[in-house]
């Protein structure tokens, strides 16, 4: 699933994957930055809590956004596929300046939203300039390819990751979340080995990347972001590895970025704070 085409000269909205467990009291840097992008007090945030099994997830995020100063925040209680084709929910999305996808189980997201009118609308709105943020499972589903599960640990292994189709808001990266906290380097490396075209992006908790239309993203939050760049991969044993066997991946490049660092997805180039590479 690729991003929806732009309409004329309209700039795309930001895509904002959050590694989960974002700060919801105090400074709330990640959420406040998202709200500011969406219009501050004039923002209209539509929350999609589908990934969560908790019935109050949407209401809790409404309260959080209200605390930040957003007057107009609503939640769409999409719990079954039929809900994701309801005309009134499409109408709610049409007036959004920002869309927020909560955490939970990313397979609930893909099986309930995949191919529905809501999923199509989110892609089209993002192409039309609406900003889309997602935390935890909501971050994992943003790319074309979604990490649905896998093993923990530092070493990549054959069959060490399960993939599923994502929303397709970007087709240049694959995302893993709760990254350092849940020891997910091995499964992100395995995911990258399946398709070395993709950049692997591992996002820590309370950390996000803000991807603008020019795809030079900035890191926000208290943790770090791990970038695995396989552009110059010279050898992979993935095609011959047996189940649970460790993989060989030669000439990978790895970057660790913290708050304020930038990364140019197109040029595959990192920049320290205040030295981002824009043409």
Protein backbone atom coordinates (compact mmCIF):
# COMPACT_ATOMS: atom_id res chain seq x y z
CA UNK A 1 0.00 0.00 0.00
CA UNK A 2 1.65 3.22 -1.17
CA UNK A 3 0.90 6.80 -0.06
CA UNK A 4 -2.03 8.48 -1.83
CA UNK A 5 -1.00 10.85 -4.64
CA UNK A 6 -0.92 14.56 -3.89
CA UNK A 7 -3.49 16.90 -5.41
CA UNK A 8 -1.58 19.49 -7.42
CA UNK A 9 0.87 21.53 -5.36
CA UNK A 10 -0.70 20.62 -2.01
CA UNK A 11 1.96 19.62 0.53
CA UNK A 12 1.48 16.36 2.38
CA UNK A 13 0.81 16.41 6.09
CA UNK A 14 3.40 15.25 8.58
CA UNK A 15 3.65 11.56 9.46
CA UNK A 16 4.52 11.22 13.16
CA UNK A 17 5.32 7.74 14.54
CA UNK A 18 5.70 7.68 18.35
CA UNK A 19 7.50 4.85 20.11
CA UNK A 20 4.78 4.41 22.71
CA UNK A 21 4.41 5.45 26.37
CA UNK A 22 4.62 9.12 25.40
CA UNK A 23 4.56 11.55 28.32
CA UNK A 24 0.95 12.46 29.07
CA UNK A 25 1.59 14.85 31.97
CA UNK A 26 4.23 17.51 32.55
CA UNK A 27 6.07 18.78 29.48
CA UNK A 28 4.43 16.35 27.01
CA UNK A 29 6.91 17.45 24.33
CA UNK A 30 5.79 14.96 21.69
CA UNK A 31 2.05 15.55 22.02
CA UNK A 32 2.44 19.32 22.34
CA UNK A 33 4.52 19.46 19.16
CA UNK A 34 1.85 17.45 17.34
CA UNK A 35 -0.90 19.77 18.59
CA UNK A 36 1.06 22.87 17.57
CA UNK A 37 1.44 21.49 14.04
CA UNK A 38 -2.30 20.85 13.88
CA UNK A 39 -3.24 24.41 14.82
CA UNK A 40 -2.81 24.68 18.58
CA UNK A 41 -6.02 25.69 20.32
CA UNK A 42 -7.74 25.81 16.93
CA UNK A 43 -6.76 22.22 16.12
CA UNK A 44 -9.38 19.56 15.49
CA UNK A 45 -7.97 16.20 16.54
CA UNK A 46 -9.74 12.97 15.55
CA UNK A 47 -8.64 9.96 17.61
CA UNK A 48 -8.75 6.39 16.31
CA UNK A 49 -8.53 4.06 19.37
CA UNK A 50 -9.15 0.83 17.44
CA UNK A 51 -5.91 -0.91 18.47
CA UNK A 52 -6.89 -0.83 22.15
CA UNK A 53 -9.22 -3.27 23.87
CA UNK A 54 -9.93 -0.67 26.57
CA UNK A 55 -13.22 1.12 25.99
CA UNK A 56 -12.01 4.37 27.58
CA UNK A 57 -8.84 4.83 25.52
CA UNK A 58 -10.39 7.39 23.19
CA UNK A 59 -11.89 9.37 26.07
CA UNK A 60 -8.56 9.43 27.93
CA UNK A 61 -6.83 10.94 24.90
CA UNK A 62 -9.60 13.51 24.55
CA UNK A 63 -8.82 14.57 28.13
CA UNK A 64 -5.08 14.71 27.37
CA UNK A 65 -5.57 16.89 24.29
CA UNK A 66 -7.99 19.10 26.22
CA UNK A 67 -5.28 19.62 28.88
CA UNK A 68 -2.89 20.76 26.16
CA UNK A 69 -5.47 23.29 25.03
CA UNK A 70 -7.30 21.56 22.18
CA UNK A 71 -10.99 22.40 22.44
CA UNK A 72 -12.15 20.16 19.60
CA UNK A 73 -11.01 16.54 20.04
CA UNK A 74 -13.24 13.57 19.22
CA UNK A 75 -12.82 9.79 19.24
CA UNK A 76 -14.17 7.35 16.66
CA UNK A 77 -15.18 4.11 18.47
CA UNK A 78 -14.28 1.81 15.59
CA UNK A 79 -14.35 -1.71 17.03
CA UNK A 80 -15.53 -3.74 14.02
CA UNK A 81 -14.89 -3.52 10.29
CA UNK A 82 -18.42 -2.30 9.66
CA UNK A 83 -17.71 0.70 11.91
CA UNK A 84 -14.81 1.73 9.64
CA UNK A 85 -17.22 2.26 6.73
CA UNK A 86 -19.72 4.44 8.61
CA UNK A 87 -20.50 7.70 6.83
CA UNK A 88 -20.58 9.74 10.04
CA UNK A 89 -17.00 8.72 10.87
CA UNK A 90 -15.82 9.73 7.41
CA UNK A 91 -17.49 13.11 7.95
CA UNK A 92 -15.68 13.52 11.28
CA UNK A 93 -12.35 12.84 9.57
CA UNK A 94 -13.10 15.34 6.80
CA UNK A 95 -12.88 18.24 9.24
CA UNK A 96 -9.73 17.06 11.05
CA UNK A 97 -6.49 19.03 11.15
CA UNK A 98 -4.81 16.11 12.90
CA UNK A 99 -5.47 12.38 13.26
CA UNK A 100 -4.13 10.39 16.23
CA UNK A 101 -3.98 6.57 16.21
CA UNK A 102 -3.59 5.05 19.67
CA UNK A 103 -1.58 2.06 20.83
CA UNK A 104 -2.70 -1.48 21.51
CA UNK A 105 -2.51 -4.41 19.10
CA UNK A 106 -1.40 -3.54 15.58
CA UNK A 107 -3.09 -6.63 14.14
CA UNK A 108 -6.41 -5.29 15.45
CA UNK A 109 -5.67 -2.15 13.47
CA UNK A 110 -4.76 -3.93 10.25
CA UNK A 111 -7.60 -6.48 10.36
CA UNK A 112 -10.28 -3.95 11.31
CA UNK A 113 -9.14 -0.93 9.27
CA UNK A 114 -7.41 -2.54 6.29
CA UNK A 115 -9.20 -1.76 3.01
CA UNK A 116 -11.99 0.24 4.68
CA UNK A 117 -13.25 3.73 3.90
CA UNK A 118 -11.58 5.06 7.06
CA UNK A 119 -8.17 3.72 6.01
CA UNK A 120 -8.56 5.19 2.54
CA UNK A 121 -9.67 8.51 4.00
CA UNK A 122 -6.68 8.72 6.35
CA UNK A 123 -4.27 8.22 3.43
CA UNK A 124 -6.05 10.78 1.28
CA UNK A 125 -6.24 13.35 4.06
CA UNK A 126 -2.54 12.97 4.79
CA UNK A 127 -1.80 13.53 1.10
CA UNK A 128 -4.00 16.64 1.32
CA UNK A 129 -2.07 18.14 4.24
CA UNK A 130 -3.60 16.62 7.40
CA UNK A 131 -1.04 15.51 9.99
CA UNK A 132 -1.22 11.89 11.20
CA UNK A 133 0.38 10.70 14.44
CA UNK A 134 0.34 7.21 15.88
CA UNK A 135 1.76 5.76 19.09
CA UNK A 136 3.02 2.21 19.65
CA UNK A 137 0.76 0.03 17.44
CA UNK A 138 -0.42 3.24 15.79
CA UNK A 139 3.19 3.94 14.79
CA UNK A 140 3.88 0.40 13.56
CA UNK A 141 0.98 0.48 11.09
CA UNK A 142 1.98 3.73 9.40
CA UNK A 143 4.38 2.35 6.74
CA UNK A 144 3.53 0.14 3.78
CA UNK A 145 5.06 -2.84 5.62
CA UNK A 146 4.13 -3.33 9.29
CA UNK A 147 6.01 -5.30 11.94
CA UNK A 148 3.25 -7.37 13.53
CA UNK A 149 5.41 -9.35 15.98
CA UNK A 150 8.65 -11.21 16.42
CA UNK A 151 11.37 -12.31 18.81
CA UNK A 152 13.36 -10.18 21.25
CA UNK A 153 17.13 -9.87 21.35
CA UNK A 154 20.07 -8.22 19.63
CA UNK A 155 20.70 -10.81 16.90
CA UNK A 156 18.65 -11.09 13.70
CA UNK A 157 17.24 -14.57 13.08
CA UNK A 158 15.42 -16.23 10.24
CA UNK A 159 11.70 -16.14 11.04
CA UNK A 160 12.50 -13.58 13.74
CA UNK A 161 9.80 -11.16 12.63
CA UNK A 162 6.20 -11.29 11.40
CA UNK A 163 5.13 -8.74 8.79
CA UNK A 164 1.71 -7.56 7.65
CA UNK A 165 0.40 -4.79 5.38
CA UNK A 166 0.32 -1.33 6.93
CA UNK A 167 -1.56 1.88 6.13
CA UNK A 168 0.99 2.98 3.55
CA UNK A 169 1.53 6.57 4.72
CA UNK A 170 5.18 6.02 3.80
CA UNK A 171 6.88 3.33 1.71
CA UNK A 172 10.49 4.27 2.51
CA UNK A 173 10.83 3.02 6.09
CA UNK A 174 9.73 0.21 8.40
CA UNK A 175 9.08 1.06 12.06
CA UNK A 176 9.50 -0.74 15.36
CA UNK A 177 8.41 0.82 18.66
CA UNK A 178 9.15 0.46 22.39
CA UNK A 179 12.52 -0.18 20.79
CA UNK A 180 15.21 -0.10 23.49
CA UNK A 181 12.77 -0.91 26.26
CA UNK A 182 11.73 -4.21 24.66
CA UNK A 183 15.06 -5.20 23.10
CA UNK A 184 13.87 -5.18 19.47
CA UNK A 185 17.07 -4.59 17.51
CA UNK A 186 17.18 -8.18 16.24
CA UNK A 187 13.67 -8.17 14.81
CA UNK A 188 14.17 -4.80 13.11
CA UNK A 189 17.37 -6.11 11.52
CA UNK A 190 15.46 -9.18 10.36
CA UNK A 191 12.69 -7.00 8.90
CA UNK A 192 15.26 -4.92 6.99
CA UNK A 193 16.89 -8.09 5.63
CA UNK A 194 13.57 -9.05 3.97
CA UNK A 195 13.68 -5.88 1.87
CA UNK A 196 16.98 -3.95 1.96
CA UNK A 197 15.34 -1.06 0.10
CA UNK A 198 13.76 0.03 3.39
CA UNK A 199 15.32 2.02 6.19
CA UNK A 200 14.74 0.41 9.57
CA UNK A 201 13.59 2.90 12.22
CA UNK A 202 13.48 1.84 15.87
CA UNK A 203 11.78 4.39 18.12
CA UNK A 204 12.13 4.44 21.90
CA UNK A 205 9.29 5.18 24.28
CA UNK A 206 8.35 8.87 24.78
CA UNK A 207 10.11 9.59 21.48
CA UNK A 208 8.84 10.43 18.00
CA UNK A 209 10.02 11.37 14.55
CA UNK A 210 8.25 14.19 12.75
CA UNK A 211 8.40 13.43 9.01
CA UNK A 212 7.55 16.51 6.87
CA UNK A 213 6.77 16.56 3.14
CA UNK A 214 10.47 16.86 2.24
CA UNK A 215 11.18 13.72 4.33
CA UNK A 216 13.91 15.33 6.47
CA UNK A 217 12.60 14.26 9.85
CA UNK A 218 13.45 15.56 13.33
CA UNK A 219 13.57 13.57 16.56
CA UNK A 220 11.51 14.75 19.55
CA UNK A 221 11.20 13.29 23.05
CA UNK A 222 13.32 11.84 25.83
CA UNK A 223 14.68 8.69 24.14
CA UNK A 224 16.56 7.87 20.98
CA UNK A 225 15.86 6.64 17.46
CA UNK A 226 17.91 3.87 15.86
CA UNK A 227 18.33 3.97 12.08
CA UNK A 228 19.44 0.86 10.18
CA UNK A 229 20.54 1.75 6.65
CA UNK A 230 21.04 -1.29 4.37
CA UNK A 231 21.81 0.74 1.24
CA UNK A 232 25.33 -0.71 0.94
CA UNK A 233 24.50 -4.18 2.25
CA UNK A 234 27.05 -6.46 0.58
CA UNK A 235 25.91 -9.84 1.87
CA UNK A 236 22.84 -11.37 3.53
CA UNK A 237 22.30 -14.99 4.51
CA UNK A 238 18.51 -14.57 4.67
CA UNK A 239 17.87 -16.55 1.48
CA UNK A 240 19.54 -19.68 2.86
CA UNK A 241 19.03 -19.40 6.62
CA UNK A 242 17.04 -22.09 8.41
CA UNK A 243 14.34 -21.41 10.98
CA UNK A 244 15.73 -19.72 14.12
CA UNK A 245 19.21 -19.54 12.60
CA UNK A 246 21.20 -16.35 13.18
CA UNK A 247 21.66 -14.16 10.10
CA UNK A 248 24.76 -12.63 8.55
CA UNK A 249 24.28 -9.04 7.35
CA UNK A 250 27.44 -7.30 6.15
CA UNK A 251 28.10 -3.59 5.61
CA UNK A 252 25.02 -2.22 7.29
CA UNK A 253 25.13 1.34 8.58
CA UNK A 254 23.66 2.28 11.96
CA UNK A 255 22.81 5.70 13.41
CA UNK A 256 21.55 6.67 16.87
CA UNK A 257 19.66 9.96 16.96
CA UNK A 258 18.36 11.82 20.01
CA UNK A 259 16.21 14.92 20.41
CA UNK A 260 16.90 17.62 17.82
CA UNK A 261 18.81 15.39 15.38
CA UNK A 262 17.58 15.21 11.79
CA UNK A 263 17.65 12.51 9.14
CA UNK A 264 17.13 12.92 5.41
CA UNK A 265 15.25 9.80 4.30
CA UNK A 266 15.86 10.48 0.60
CA UNK A 267 19.61 11.12 0.93
CA UNK A 268 19.98 8.69 3.86
CA UNK A 269 22.00 11.29 5.73
CA UNK A 270 21.91 12.15 9.47
CA UNK A 271 22.46 15.63 10.87
CA UNK A 272 23.14 16.85 14.41
CA UNK A 273 20.81 19.44 15.91
CA UNK A 274 20.62 22.75 14.02
CA UNK A 275 22.58 21.38 11.06
CA UNK A 276 19.91 19.63 9.08
CA UNK A 277 20.55 19.19 5.36
CA UNK A 278 17.90 20.92 3.31
CA UNK A 279 18.24 21.82 -0.34
